[in-house]
Amino acid sequence: MIHTTRASLRFQILGPVRAWLGDDELDLGAVKQRAVLATLLVNLNRPVPVAQIVDAVWGDRPPENGPNVVQKYVAGLRRTLEPGRSARAPGQLIALTDGGYVLTAPADAVDAEVFERLVRDAEAAHAVGGAAAAGDLLSRALGRWQPPLAGLTGTYFDATRDRLAERRAAALELSADLALDEGRAAAIVGDLTTHVAEYPLRERLRYQLILALYRSGRQPEALAAFRDARQFLIDEFGVEPGAALQELHQRILRGDPDLLPVATAGTWEPPSTVSVAVEPTPEPTAPRVAVAPVAPVAAPPAYPPGFAYPPAPGHLPQPDARSRTMPRLLATVVAVLLSACSGGFVNWVIVGFFGIRRKNYWLIFTAFLYLAAVIGVCLGFGWETGNIESEDTSVVMDITMSLWLASWLIGVAHVAVLAAMDTFWGETVPRSVAASTAAGHVVGSLEWHRHLLRQQARRIVAEQPAVARELRIGRPDLPRHFDDGGLVDINSVSADVLGILPGLTMDKARAIVDDRVARGPFTTPQELVSRRLVARETLRYLEESLVVVER
């Protein structure tokens, strides 16, 4: 009976978490019980430690008796999923092993597993020239798609959603390649426009949209789409579009006839050398950039179709390369003049505005300090006015004037720093890069550069793990030509490398390596907490540097 039940069970995690036994949908109980099931389904046929389940379901607020609560929910799931099981019989579908709870079921019983398998099969079929088979597999895969794990919150489920969304984006890119190869450029413009809005960081989708517009006889719109892509990347990250997008732009401007034949539409070939030169364009609204070309460097490994070629690590723009528009400069001048001319009495308003806008609690706290200083100055002047003949008047006046001048001058400087940062760096500087203090934010251009490198490297890890392995991302112990900004792959490096990370001692580093050997590789850096190897507070310092490259 147990075997029959397992064979006839079907699970859904694309959308709300649901389960069926034959044609009958099962009642999975409360939201937390569904979350426990979702954690097991995401790790289908792999043991999940109880601590990891607690971390996934409750996050930063675990119950005091977390393991007992998990055991209770597992018992409820067993009753629902294995109705023919005796009350005292051990669970067969959900079993407890030395490594934790494991849900054992065929891969095709879970819709997300079927979705990923169809995408992999489509990629394999396309690689050997089976366009028709690849198109059929992609149609079946994308037809199953719904936003995963609907109704479940937490960083663990967010990470799973992001991973599945990346697979969907790859499937959409491959589907667009097939359509372009078949000469259906005009038919997919609308879909590509929607997909670019969903995945604005996927340069490959933008490449395909621009190419589809051009092949549809809509050259001005293709050029406008490139300008939109370029402006978005500059405004959000301070980087130029990848080499492939820039090359496509120049070919459109030249009217390259090779862009028109269908046979070349799906090709994605990075140039053999890397250069940051951008030719001036005849477009009246396009910015003209004149950068001297650099000496060619050895080309990195060839990137497969569907991957956005990364910019040369040595030439990533610094924060001051961001767009500096006149409205921002004008706002900076107005803020500083208002702070100076008001005698410092409105500094608390300006600093509070920046604090609320950036959701920075230090700045909000500082705004209250400025407000307290204003109240103190007003009380001091009020006391002095009502006690002119008092002998203590001069002392109070000195204190009041000192407080006023200090809050005024410090406030003007603080407002100037905040306004200048908002003008020259914008609002996208991450907290891990910008150190938050009561006096404001101090951002180093070198650290910003390293953050951009890490961000680019993480994209490669998420989208093309094979390329990530070839580039040796996360392997500072090996010689390589690709700069990943100092990432460390916890599944590959030795204890000596882990031991130099902030918050890790050599003893902790050796414990991580020993646990990796004994219990298998990590799937996410968060497992360091669930396996009780580091504290959650320590992980917050490590997350900027840690990465897991799929092997």
Protein backbone atom coordinates (compact mmCIF):
# COMPACT_ATOMS: atom_id res chain seq x y z
CA MET A 1 0.00 0.00 0.00
CA ILE A 2 2.84 2.38 0.81
CA HIS A 3 4.51 1.70 -2.53
CA THR A 4 1.23 2.32 -4.37
CA THR A 5 0.69 5.56 -2.47
CA ARG A 6 4.16 6.84 -3.32
CA ALA A 7 3.70 6.00 -7.01
CA SER A 8 0.36 7.79 -7.24
CA LEU A 9 1.34 10.95 -5.32
CA ARG A 10 1.88 14.20 -7.20
CA PHE A 11 3.24 17.44 -5.76
CA GLN A 12 3.12 21.06 -6.88
CA ILE A 13 5.49 23.82 -5.79
CA LEU A 14 5.11 25.93 -8.94
CA GLY A 15 2.35 28.05 -7.50
CA PRO A 16 0.87 27.25 -4.05
CA VAL A 17 2.18 24.07 -2.42
CA ARG A 18 -0.34 21.32 -3.21
CA ALA A 19 -0.46 17.50 -3.34
CA TRP A 20 -2.71 14.89 -4.95
CA LEU A 21 -3.22 11.21 -4.27
CA GLY A 22 -4.50 9.92 -7.56
CA ASP A 23 -7.20 12.40 -8.59
CA ASP A 24 -7.93 13.57 -5.03
CA GLU A 25 -6.28 16.72 -3.71
CA LEU A 26 -4.95 16.35 -0.17
CA ASP A 27 -5.41 18.78 2.70
CA LEU A 28 -1.85 19.73 3.68
CA GLY A 29 -2.85 21.62 6.81
CA ALA A 30 -1.50 24.90 8.17
CA VAL A 31 0.92 27.20 6.36
CA LYS A 32 3.90 26.09 8.48
CA GLN A 33 3.16 22.43 7.74
CA ARG A 34 3.07 23.26 4.02
CA ALA A 35 6.37 25.09 4.46
CA VAL A 36 7.94 21.96 6.01
CA LEU A 37 6.69 19.91 3.05
CA ALA A 38 8.02 22.52 0.60
CA THR A 39 11.47 22.33 2.22
CA LEU A 40 11.50 18.57 1.79
CA LEU A 41 10.27 18.80 -1.81
CA VAL A 42 12.94 21.34 -2.74
CA ASN A 43 15.47 18.78 -1.47
CA LEU A 44 13.66 15.76 -2.95
CA ASN A 45 15.39 12.43 -2.17
CA ARG A 46 18.05 14.26 -0.10
CA PRO A 47 18.14 14.34 3.72
CA VAL A 48 17.43 17.75 5.24
CA PRO A 49 18.76 18.43 8.76
CA VAL A 50 16.11 19.45 11.27
CA ALA A 51 18.01 22.68 11.96
CA GLN A 52 17.84 23.55 8.26
CA ILE A 53 14.08 22.95 8.22
CA VAL A 54 13.66 25.21 11.26
CA ASP A 55 15.80 27.91 9.61
CA ALA A 56 13.84 27.68 6.33
CA VAL A 57 10.37 27.75 7.90
CA TRP A 58 10.88 30.23 10.77
CA GLY A 59 13.98 32.19 9.74
CA ASP A 60 15.17 34.62 12.42
CA ARG A 61 12.33 33.72 14.82
CA PRO A 62 12.52 29.98 15.45
CA PRO A 63 10.31 28.47 18.18
CA GLU A 64 12.02 27.42 21.38
CA ASN A 65 11.22 23.76 20.76
CA GLY A 66 11.88 23.85 17.02
CA PRO A 67 12.78 20.14 16.53
CA ASN A 68 9.62 19.04 18.37
CA VAL A 69 7.45 21.34 16.25
CA VAL A 70 9.05 19.97 13.06
CA GLN A 71 8.41 16.43 14.32
CA LYS A 72 4.75 17.33 14.90
CA TYR A 73 4.35 18.72 11.37
CA VAL A 74 6.12 15.71 9.83
CA ALA A 75 3.72 13.41 11.70
CA GLY A 76 0.80 15.39 10.27
CA LEU A 77 2.23 15.12 6.76
CA ARG A 78 2.71 11.37 7.15
CA ARG A 79 -0.93 10.94 8.14
CA THR A 80 -2.02 12.92 5.07
CA LEU A 81 0.40 11.54 2.49
CA GLU A 82 0.39 7.90 3.68
CA PRO A 83 -3.22 7.18 4.63
CA GLY A 84 -2.69 3.41 4.52
CA ARG A 85 0.18 3.45 7.02
CA SER A 86 -0.35 2.02 10.49
CA ALA A 87 -0.09 4.58 13.28
CA ARG A 88 2.94 2.82 14.75
CA ALA A 89 4.65 1.92 11.49
CA PRO A 90 7.71 3.97 10.52
CA GLY A 91 7.25 6.48 7.74
CA GLN A 92 8.34 5.33 4.30
CA LEU A 93 7.57 8.42 2.22
CA ILE A 94 9.09 10.77 4.81
CA ALA A 95 11.82 8.96 6.72
CA LEU A 96 14.17 10.10 9.47
CA THR A 97 17.83 9.37 8.72
CA ASP A 98 21.11 10.31 10.35
CA GLY A 99 21.25 13.34 8.05
CA GLY A 100 17.70 14.50 8.78
CA TYR A 101 14.28 14.02 7.22
CA VAL A 102 14.15 12.82 3.61
CA LEU A 103 11.12 12.70 1.31
CA THR A 104 11.54 9.86 -1.18
CA ALA A 105 9.54 10.02 -4.40
CA PRO A 106 10.12 9.79 -8.17
CA ALA A 107 11.49 13.00 -9.66
CA ASP A 108 8.52 13.28 -12.02
CA ALA A 109 6.17 13.46 -9.01
CA VAL A 110 7.20 17.10 -8.37
CA ASP A 111 6.28 19.68 -11.00
CA ALA A 112 9.40 21.81 -10.43
CA GLU A 113 11.64 18.78 -11.02
CA VAL A 114 9.75 18.04 -14.25
CA PHE A 115 10.10 21.70 -15.30
CA GLU A 116 13.87 21.71 -14.77
CA ARG A 117 14.30 18.35 -16.54
CA LEU A 118 12.36 19.59 -19.58
CA VAL A 119 14.54 22.71 -19.77
CA ARG A 120 17.74 20.63 -19.51
CA ASP A 121 16.48 18.26 -22.21
CA ALA A 122 15.61 21.22 -24.44
CA GLU A 123 19.08 22.69 -24.01
CA ALA A 124 20.64 19.32 -24.86
CA ALA A 125 18.42 18.93 -27.95
CA HIS A 126 19.29 22.43 -29.15
CA ALA A 127 23.00 21.76 -28.66
CA VAL A 128 22.88 18.87 -31.16
CA GLY A 129 20.70 20.71 -33.68
CA GLY A 130 17.29 19.36 -32.69
CA ALA A 131 15.41 22.67 -32.96
CA ALA A 132 11.97 21.09 -33.31
CA ALA A 133 12.44 18.81 -30.31
CA ALA A 134 13.88 21.68 -28.26
CA GLY A 135 10.89 23.88 -29.10
CA ASP A 136 8.41 21.18 -28.07
CA LEU A 137 10.21 20.57 -24.76
CA LEU A 138 10.38 24.31 -24.00
CA SER A 139 6.67 24.71 -24.75
CA ARG A 140 5.86 21.93 -22.30
CA ALA A 141 8.19 23.35 -19.65
CA LEU A 142 6.99 26.96 -19.88
CA GLY A 143 3.38 25.79 -19.93
CA ARG A 144 3.89 24.45 -16.40
CA TRP A 145 5.28 27.69 -15.02
CA GLN A 146 3.68 29.55 -12.14
CA PRO A 147 5.42 31.76 -9.53
CA PRO A 148 6.91 29.13 -7.17
CA LEU A 149 6.04 28.58 -3.50
CA ALA A 150 3.23 31.11 -3.45
CA GLY A 151 2.31 32.18 0.07
CA LEU A 152 5.60 31.11 1.69
CA THR A 153 8.03 33.73 2.99
CA GLY A 154 11.63 33.65 4.14
CA THR A 155 15.13 33.82 2.66
CA TYR A 156 15.28 30.08 1.99
CA PHE A 157 12.14 30.10 -0.15
CA ASP A 158 13.22 33.37 -1.79
CA ALA A 159 16.48 31.70 -2.84
CA THR A 160 14.54 28.76 -4.30
CA ARG A 161 12.26 31.14 -6.19
CA ASP A 162 15.29 32.97 -7.58
CA ARG A 163 16.90 29.70 -8.72
CA LEU A 164 13.77 28.52 -10.50
CA ALA A 165 13.23 31.97 -12.03
CA GLU A 166 16.76 31.80 -13.46
CA ARG A 167 15.92 28.48 -15.10
CA ARG A 168 12.75 29.99 -16.55
CA ALA A 169 14.73 32.98 -17.88
CA ALA A 170 17.19 30.59 -19.56
CA ALA A 171 14.24 28.73 -21.12
CA LEU A 172 12.74 32.00 -22.38
CA GLU A 173 16.07 32.98 -23.94
CA LEU A 174 16.42 29.65 -25.68
CA SER A 175 12.82 29.85 -26.92
CA ALA A 176 13.51 33.31 -28.36
CA ASP A 177 16.65 31.98 -30.06
CA LEU A 178 14.57 29.28 -31.76
CA ALA A 179 11.97 31.82 -32.88
CA LEU A 180 14.66 34.09 -34.33
CA ASP A 181 16.21 31.13 -36.11
CA GLU A 182 12.82 30.32 -37.65
CA GLY A 183 12.30 33.89 -38.88
CA ARG A 184 9.51 34.75 -36.41
CA ALA A 185 11.10 37.97 -35.15
CA ALA A 186 7.98 40.14 -35.40
CA ALA A 187 5.86 37.56 -33.55
CA ILE A 188 8.02 37.57 -30.42
CA VAL A 189 8.63 41.31 -29.94
CA GLY A 190 5.70 41.64 -27.52
CA ASP A 191 6.75 38.62 -25.46
CA LEU A 192 10.37 39.79 -25.33
CA THR A 193 9.26 43.23 -24.14
CA THR A 194 7.41 41.57 -21.25
CA HIS A 195 10.34 39.29 -20.44
CA VAL A 196 12.80 42.21 -20.37
CA ALA A 197 10.54 43.96 -17.86
CA GLU A 198 10.51 40.77 -15.72
CA TYR A 199 14.27 40.16 -15.97
CA PRO A 200 15.88 43.58 -16.53
CA LEU A 201 19.39 42.28 -15.73
CA ARG A 202 19.37 39.58 -18.44
CA GLU A 203 21.36 41.21 -21.23
CA ARG A 204 20.67 38.25 -23.50
CA LEU A 205 16.93 39.03 -23.47
CA ARG A 206 17.68 42.66 -24.31
CA TYR A 207 19.96 41.50 -27.13
CA GLN A 208 17.16 39.36 -28.55
CA LEU A 209 14.58 42.18 -28.24
CA ILE A 210 16.84 44.64 -30.09
CA LEU A 211 17.57 42.08 -32.80
CA ALA A 212 13.88 41.14 -33.16
CA LEU A 213 12.91 44.81 -33.52
CA TYR A 214 15.60 45.38 -36.15
CA ARG A 215 14.57 42.31 -38.14
CA SER A 216 10.95 43.46 -37.98
CA GLY A 217 11.90 46.66 -39.83
CA ARG A 218 11.74 48.77 -36.65
CA GLN A 219 15.30 50.13 -36.57
CA PRO A 220 14.53 53.33 -34.57
CA GLU A 221 12.82 51.26 -31.88
CA ALA A 222 15.77 48.85 -31.83
CA LEU A 223 18.16 51.77 -31.25
CA ALA A 224 15.83 53.18 -28.57
CA ALA A 225 15.79 49.76 -26.85
CA PHE A 226 19.60 49.82 -26.76
CA ARG A 227 19.59 53.33 -25.27
CA ASP A 228 17.09 52.20 -22.63
CA ALA A 229 19.28 49.20 -21.76
CA ARG A 230 22.40 51.33 -21.52
CA GLN A 231 20.74 53.99 -19.38
CA PHE A 232 19.29 51.36 -17.04
CA LEU A 233 22.68 49.70 -16.48
CA ILE A 234 24.41 53.04 -15.91
CA ASP A 235 21.74 54.36 -13.54
CA GLU A 236 21.46 51.16 -11.51
CA PHE A 237 25.02 49.80 -11.48
CA GLY A 238 27.33 52.33 -13.11
CA VAL A 239 28.37 49.87 -15.85
CA GLU A 240 28.19 49.92 -19.63
CA PRO A 241 26.32 47.19 -21.55
CA GLY A 242 28.24 44.00 -22.32
CA ALA A 243 30.43 43.65 -25.39
CA ALA A 244 27.80 41.69 -27.33
CA LEU A 245 25.12 44.36 -26.89
CA GLN A 246 27.51 47.14 -27.88
CA GLU A 247 28.66 45.19 -30.92
CA LEU A 248 25.02 44.61 -31.99
CA HIS A 249 24.35 48.34 -31.59
CA GLN A 250 27.28 49.25 -33.84
CA ARG A 251 26.26 46.67 -36.45
CA ILE A 252 22.73 48.12 -36.58
CA LEU A 253 24.15 51.62 -37.03
CA ARG A 254 26.32 50.36 -39.89
CA GLY A 255 23.38 48.51 -41.44
CA ASP A 256 25.31 45.24 -41.32
CA PRO A 257 23.61 42.93 -43.87
CA ASP A 258 24.66 39.85 -41.87
CA LEU A 259 22.07 40.76 -39.21
CA LEU A 260 19.21 40.13 -41.60
CA PRO A 261 19.66 36.47 -42.62
CA VAL A 262 17.79 34.12 -40.33
CA ALA A 263 20.68 31.70 -40.19
CA THR A 264 22.79 34.02 -38.04
CA ALA A 265 20.05 35.32 -35.78
CA GLY A 266 20.64 33.05 -32.80
CA THR A 267 24.42 33.34 -32.72
CA TRP A 268 26.08 34.72 -29.59
CA GLU A 269 29.82 35.01 -30.10
CA PRO A 270 31.94 37.23 -27.83
CA PRO A 271 34.94 38.84 -29.51
CA SER A 272 38.34 37.24 -29.02
CA THR A 273 39.74 40.33 -27.32
CA VAL A 274 38.30 42.62 -24.68
CA SER A 275 38.27 46.37 -25.20
CA VAL A 276 36.43 49.20 -23.50
CA ALA A 277 36.45 51.49 -26.53
CA VAL A 278 32.99 52.76 -27.48
CA GLU A 279 32.71 54.39 -30.90
CA PRO A 280 30.79 57.68 -31.15
CA THR A 281 27.34 57.21 -32.60
CA PRO A 282 25.48 59.52 -34.96
CA GLU A 283 22.34 59.47 -32.79
CA PRO A 284 21.58 63.01 -31.56
CA THR A 285 20.36 61.79 -28.13
CA ALA A 286 22.98 59.15 -27.53
CA PRO A 287 25.89 60.20 -25.31
CA ARG A 288 29.24 60.32 -27.03
CA VAL A 289 31.95 58.40 -25.21
CA ALA A 290 35.57 58.56 -26.29
CA VAL A 291 37.76 56.11 -24.45
CA ALA A 292 41.20 55.16 -25.63
CA PRO A 293 41.44 51.46 -26.48
CA VAL A 294 43.52 49.30 -24.22
CA ALA A 295 45.93 46.60 -25.20
CA PRO A 296 44.13 43.33 -26.01
CA VAL A 297 44.21 40.69 -23.31
CA ALA A 298 43.86 36.95 -23.56
CA ALA A 299 40.26 36.00 -24.15
CA PRO A 300 38.49 34.05 -21.40
CA PRO A 301 36.85 30.73 -22.27
CA ALA A 302 34.12 30.90 -24.89
CA TYR A 303 30.70 31.55 -23.42
CA PRO A 304 27.80 29.39 -24.55
CA PRO A 305 24.68 30.85 -26.21
CA GLY A 306 22.38 32.58 -23.76
CA PHE A 307 25.09 34.12 -21.62
CA ALA A 308 25.90 37.81 -21.31
CA TYR A 309 29.64 38.30 -21.80
CA PRO A 310 31.08 39.93 -18.64
CA PRO A 311 32.94 43.22 -18.91
CA ALA A 312 36.70 43.20 -18.52
CA PRO A 313 37.28 43.18 -14.73
CA GLY A 314 40.01 45.79 -14.91
CA HIS A 315 37.77 48.31 -16.61
CA LEU A 316 34.60 48.37 -14.56
CA PRO A 317 33.55 52.00 -14.06
CA GLN A 318 34.01 53.58 -10.68
CA PRO A 319 31.07 55.13 -8.82
CA ASP A 320 31.81 58.57 -10.29
CA ALA A 321 30.97 57.19 -13.75
CA ARG A 322 27.29 57.31 -12.86
CA SER A 323 24.98 59.76 -14.55
CA ARG A 324 25.19 63.22 -12.91
CA THR A 325 22.11 65.09 -13.97
CA MET A 326 21.45 68.76 -13.36
CA PRO A 327 18.38 68.17 -11.17
CA ARG A 328 20.49 66.19 -8.69
CA LEU A 329 23.22 68.83 -8.64
CA LEU A 330 20.61 71.54 -8.12
CA ALA A 331 19.01 69.55 -5.27
CA THR A 332 22.45 69.21 -3.64
CA VAL A 333 23.06 72.98 -3.75
CA VAL A 334 19.56 73.74 -2.43
CA ALA A 335 19.94 71.28 0.47
CA VAL A 336 23.31 72.73 1.54
CA LEU A 337 22.12 76.35 1.25
CA LEU A 338 18.94 75.59 3.18
CA SER A 339 20.97 73.94 5.93
CA ALA A 340 23.46 76.82 6.12
CA CYS A 341 21.01 79.72 5.84
CA SER A 342 18.57 78.30 8.39
CA GLY A 343 21.18 78.35 11.11
CA GLY A 344 21.00 74.56 11.37
CA PHE A 345 17.40 74.56 12.59
CA VAL A 346 16.18 72.40 9.67
CA ASN A 347 19.07 69.93 9.62
CA TRP A 348 16.94 67.37 11.42
CA VAL A 349 14.33 67.57 8.64
CA ILE A 350 16.89 67.09 5.85
CA VAL A 351 18.79 64.25 7.57
CA GLY A 352 15.51 62.59 8.52
CA PHE A 353 14.40 62.78 4.89
CA PHE A 354 17.56 60.97 3.77
CA GLY A 355 17.17 58.41 6.55
CA ILE A 356 13.57 57.57 5.62
CA ARG A 357 14.39 57.53 1.92
CA ARG A 358 17.30 55.13 2.41
CA LYS A 359 15.63 53.19 5.24
CA ASN A 360 18.74 53.86 7.33
CA TYR A 361 18.01 53.77 11.04
CA TRP A 362 21.33 55.44 11.96
CA LEU A 363 20.39 58.51 9.92
CA ILE A 364 16.91 58.60 11.48
CA PHE A 365 18.51 58.40 14.93
CA THR A 366 20.91 61.21 13.96
CA ALA A 367 17.94 63.33 12.83
CA PHE A 368 16.47 62.98 16.33
CA LEU A 369 19.82 64.14 17.79
CA TYR A 370 19.70 67.25 15.61
CA LEU A 371 16.10 67.84 16.71
CA ALA A 372 17.14 67.48 20.36
CA ALA A 373 19.90 70.04 19.76
CA VAL A 374 17.36 72.47 18.23
CA ILE A 375 15.06 72.04 21.23
CA GLY A 376 17.99 72.54 23.61
CA VAL A 377 19.05 75.75 21.84
CA CYS A 378 15.49 77.11 21.91
CA LEU A 379 15.16 76.32 25.61
CA GLY A 380 18.52 77.96 26.29
CA PHE A 381 17.56 81.16 24.49
CA GLY A 382 14.19 81.12 26.22
CA TRP A 383 15.76 80.76 29.66
CA GLU A 384 18.22 83.56 28.97
CA THR A 385 15.42 85.89 27.82
CA GLY A 386 13.40 85.31 31.00
CA ASN A 387 16.39 85.59 33.36
CA ILE A 388 18.36 88.53 32.01
CA GLU A 389 19.48 89.69 35.46
CA SER A 390 20.54 86.25 36.68
CA GLU A 391 24.24 85.61 37.35
CA ASP A 392 23.98 82.25 35.55
CA THR A 393 22.84 83.89 32.32
CA SER A 394 26.32 84.11 30.77
CA VAL A 395 27.06 80.44 31.53
CA VAL A 396 23.78 79.26 29.99
CA MET A 397 24.35 81.56 27.04
CA ASP A 398 27.82 80.13 26.43
CA ILE A 399 26.51 76.57 26.53
CA THR A 400 23.58 77.45 24.26
CA MET A 401 25.79 79.21 21.71
CA SER A 402 28.28 76.31 21.71
CA LEU A 403 25.50 73.79 21.17
CA TRP A 404 23.99 75.90 18.40
CA LEU A 405 27.27 76.43 16.54
CA ALA A 406 28.27 72.76 16.85
CA SER A 407 24.93 71.45 15.61
CA TRP A 408 24.86 74.06 12.83
CA LEU A 409 28.36 73.45 11.44
CA ILE A 410 28.31 69.66 11.86
CA GLY A 411 24.83 69.54 10.35
CA VAL A 412 25.82 71.57 7.30
CA ALA A 413 28.79 69.26 6.68
CA HIS A 414 26.61 66.19 7.20
CA VAL A 415 23.94 67.42 4.79
CA ALA A 416 26.62 68.27 2.22
CA VAL A 417 28.06 64.73 2.41
CA LEU A 418 24.63 63.09 2.16
CA ALA A 419 23.53 65.27 -0.74
CA ALA A 420 26.82 64.77 -2.60
CA MET A 421 26.58 60.99 -2.17
CA ASP A 422 23.03 61.05 -3.49
CA THR A 423 24.26 62.97 -6.54
CA PHE A 424 27.43 61.07 -7.39
CA TRP A 425 26.63 57.55 -6.19
CA GLY A 426 22.83 57.45 -6.30
CA GLU A 427 20.80 55.20 -3.99
CA THR A 428 22.00 51.77 -5.06
CA VAL A 429 25.07 51.48 -2.84
CA PRO A 430 24.54 48.29 -0.77
CA ARG A 431 24.89 48.36 2.99
CA SER A 432 27.64 45.76 2.85
CA VAL A 433 29.74 48.25 0.85
CA ALA A 434 28.74 51.55 2.47
CA ALA A 435 29.56 51.64 6.17
CA SER A 436 26.60 53.11 8.06
CA THR A 437 27.54 55.58 10.81
CA ALA A 438 25.85 58.35 12.76
CA ALA A 439 27.86 60.87 10.74
CA GLY A 440 26.76 59.43 7.39
CA HIS A 441 28.02 56.92 4.84
CA VAL A 442 31.63 56.56 3.71
CA VAL A 443 31.97 54.72 0.43
CA GLY A 444 35.33 53.69 -1.00
CA SER A 445 35.54 53.45 -4.76
CA LEU A 446 37.81 50.42 -4.50
CA GLU A 447 35.26 48.52 -2.40
CA TRP A 448 32.49 49.53 -4.80
CA HIS A 449 34.60 48.17 -7.66
CA ARG A 450 35.00 44.86 -5.80
CA HIS A 451 31.25 44.72 -5.15
CA LEU A 452 30.56 45.08 -8.88
CA LEU A 453 33.01 42.28 -9.62
CA ARG A 454 31.35 40.01 -7.04
CA GLN A 455 27.94 40.85 -8.44
CA GLN A 456 29.04 39.93 -11.98
CA ALA A 457 30.66 36.70 -10.73
CA ARG A 458 27.49 35.68 -8.84
CA ARG A 459 25.49 36.10 -12.04
CA ILE A 460 27.86 33.72 -13.79
CA VAL A 461 27.54 31.20 -10.93
CA ALA A 462 23.74 31.36 -11.03
CA GLU A 463 23.32 31.29 -14.79
CA GLN A 464 26.27 29.27 -16.07
CA PRO A 465 27.91 27.11 -13.36
CA ALA A 466 30.05 25.32 -15.96
CA VAL A 467 31.56 28.65 -17.00
CA ALA A 468 32.00 29.57 -13.33
CA ARG A 469 34.02 26.41 -12.78
CA GLU A 470 36.13 27.10 -15.85
CA LEU A 471 36.82 30.66 -14.67
CA ARG A 472 37.64 29.25 -11.20
CA ILE A 473 35.27 31.62 -9.44
CA GLY A 474 35.57 31.32 -5.68
CA ARG A 475 39.05 29.75 -5.89
CA PRO A 476 41.56 32.33 -4.65
CA ASP A 477 43.95 29.43 -4.04
CA LEU A 478 44.28 28.73 -7.79
CA PRO A 479 45.86 30.79 -10.58
CA ARG A 480 43.23 32.46 -12.81
CA HIS A 481 42.71 35.46 -15.07
CA PHE A 482 39.14 36.35 -14.03
CA ASP A 483 38.69 38.69 -11.05
CA ASP A 484 35.63 37.66 -9.02
CA GLY A 485 36.04 40.37 -6.37
CA GLY A 486 37.33 37.99 -3.69
CA LEU A 487 34.57 35.35 -3.60
CA VAL A 488 35.27 32.07 -1.79
CA ASP A 489 33.61 28.78 -2.75
CA ILE A 490 32.98 27.00 0.57
CA ASN A 491 32.71 23.63 -1.18
CA SER A 492 36.15 23.78 -2.79
CA VAL A 493 38.71 25.75 -0.78
CA SER A 494 40.84 24.43 2.03
CA ALA A 495 40.67 25.37 5.70
CA ASP A 496 43.67 27.67 5.22
CA VAL A 497 41.67 29.83 2.81
CA LEU A 498 38.48 29.79 4.91
CA GLY A 499 40.48 30.70 8.01
CA ILE A 500 41.37 34.17 6.66
CA LEU A 501 37.72 35.22 6.26
CA PRO A 502 36.36 37.70 8.84
CA GLY A 503 34.73 36.00 11.79
CA LEU A 504 36.29 32.58 11.14
CA THR A 505 39.09 31.09 13.18
CA MET A 506 41.23 28.25 11.91
CA ASP A 507 39.40 25.86 14.22
CA LYS A 508 36.04 26.87 12.72
CA ALA A 509 37.47 26.63 9.22
CA ARG A 510 38.70 23.07 9.87
CA ALA A 511 35.28 22.17 11.33
CA ILE A 512 33.60 23.43 8.13
CA VAL A 513 35.91 21.33 5.95
CA ASP A 514 35.44 18.25 8.17
CA ASP A 515 31.65 18.66 8.05
CA ARG A 516 31.77 19.10 4.27
CA VAL A 517 33.63 15.81 3.93
CA ALA A 518 31.40 13.94 6.39
CA ARG A 519 27.95 15.23 5.37
CA GLY A 520 28.44 16.31 1.78
CA PRO A 521 28.80 19.70 0.09
CA PHE A 522 26.82 22.79 1.04
CA THR A 523 23.96 23.92 -1.18
CA THR A 524 23.85 27.49 0.18
CA PRO A 525 26.03 29.52 2.57
CA GLN A 526 23.05 29.57 4.98
CA GLU A 527 23.70 25.88 5.68
CA LEU A 528 26.69 26.96 7.76
CA VAL A 529 24.10 28.12 10.31
CA SER A 530 21.74 25.17 9.99
CA ARG A 531 24.67 22.77 10.45
CA ARG A 532 25.65 24.77 13.53
CA LEU A 533 29.11 25.62 12.20
CA VAL A 534 28.83 29.41 12.52
CA ALA A 535 26.48 31.78 14.31
CA ARG A 536 23.88 33.68 12.33
CA GLU A 537 25.59 36.98 13.22
CA THR A 538 28.89 35.67 11.83
CA LEU A 539 27.23 34.61 8.58
CA ARG A 540 26.07 38.19 8.00
CA TYR A 541 29.71 39.24 7.80
CA LEU A 542 30.59 36.31 5.54
CA GLU A 543 27.69 36.42 3.05
CA GLU A 544 29.32 39.10 0.89
CA SER A 545 32.31 36.81 0.27
CA LEU A 546 30.85 33.29 0.25
CA VAL A 547 29.52 31.50 -2.82
CA VAL A 548 28.54 27.94 -3.73
CA VAL A 549 29.51 26.86 -7.24
CA GLU A 550 27.51 23.90 -8.51
CA ARG A 551 29.71 20.86 -9.20
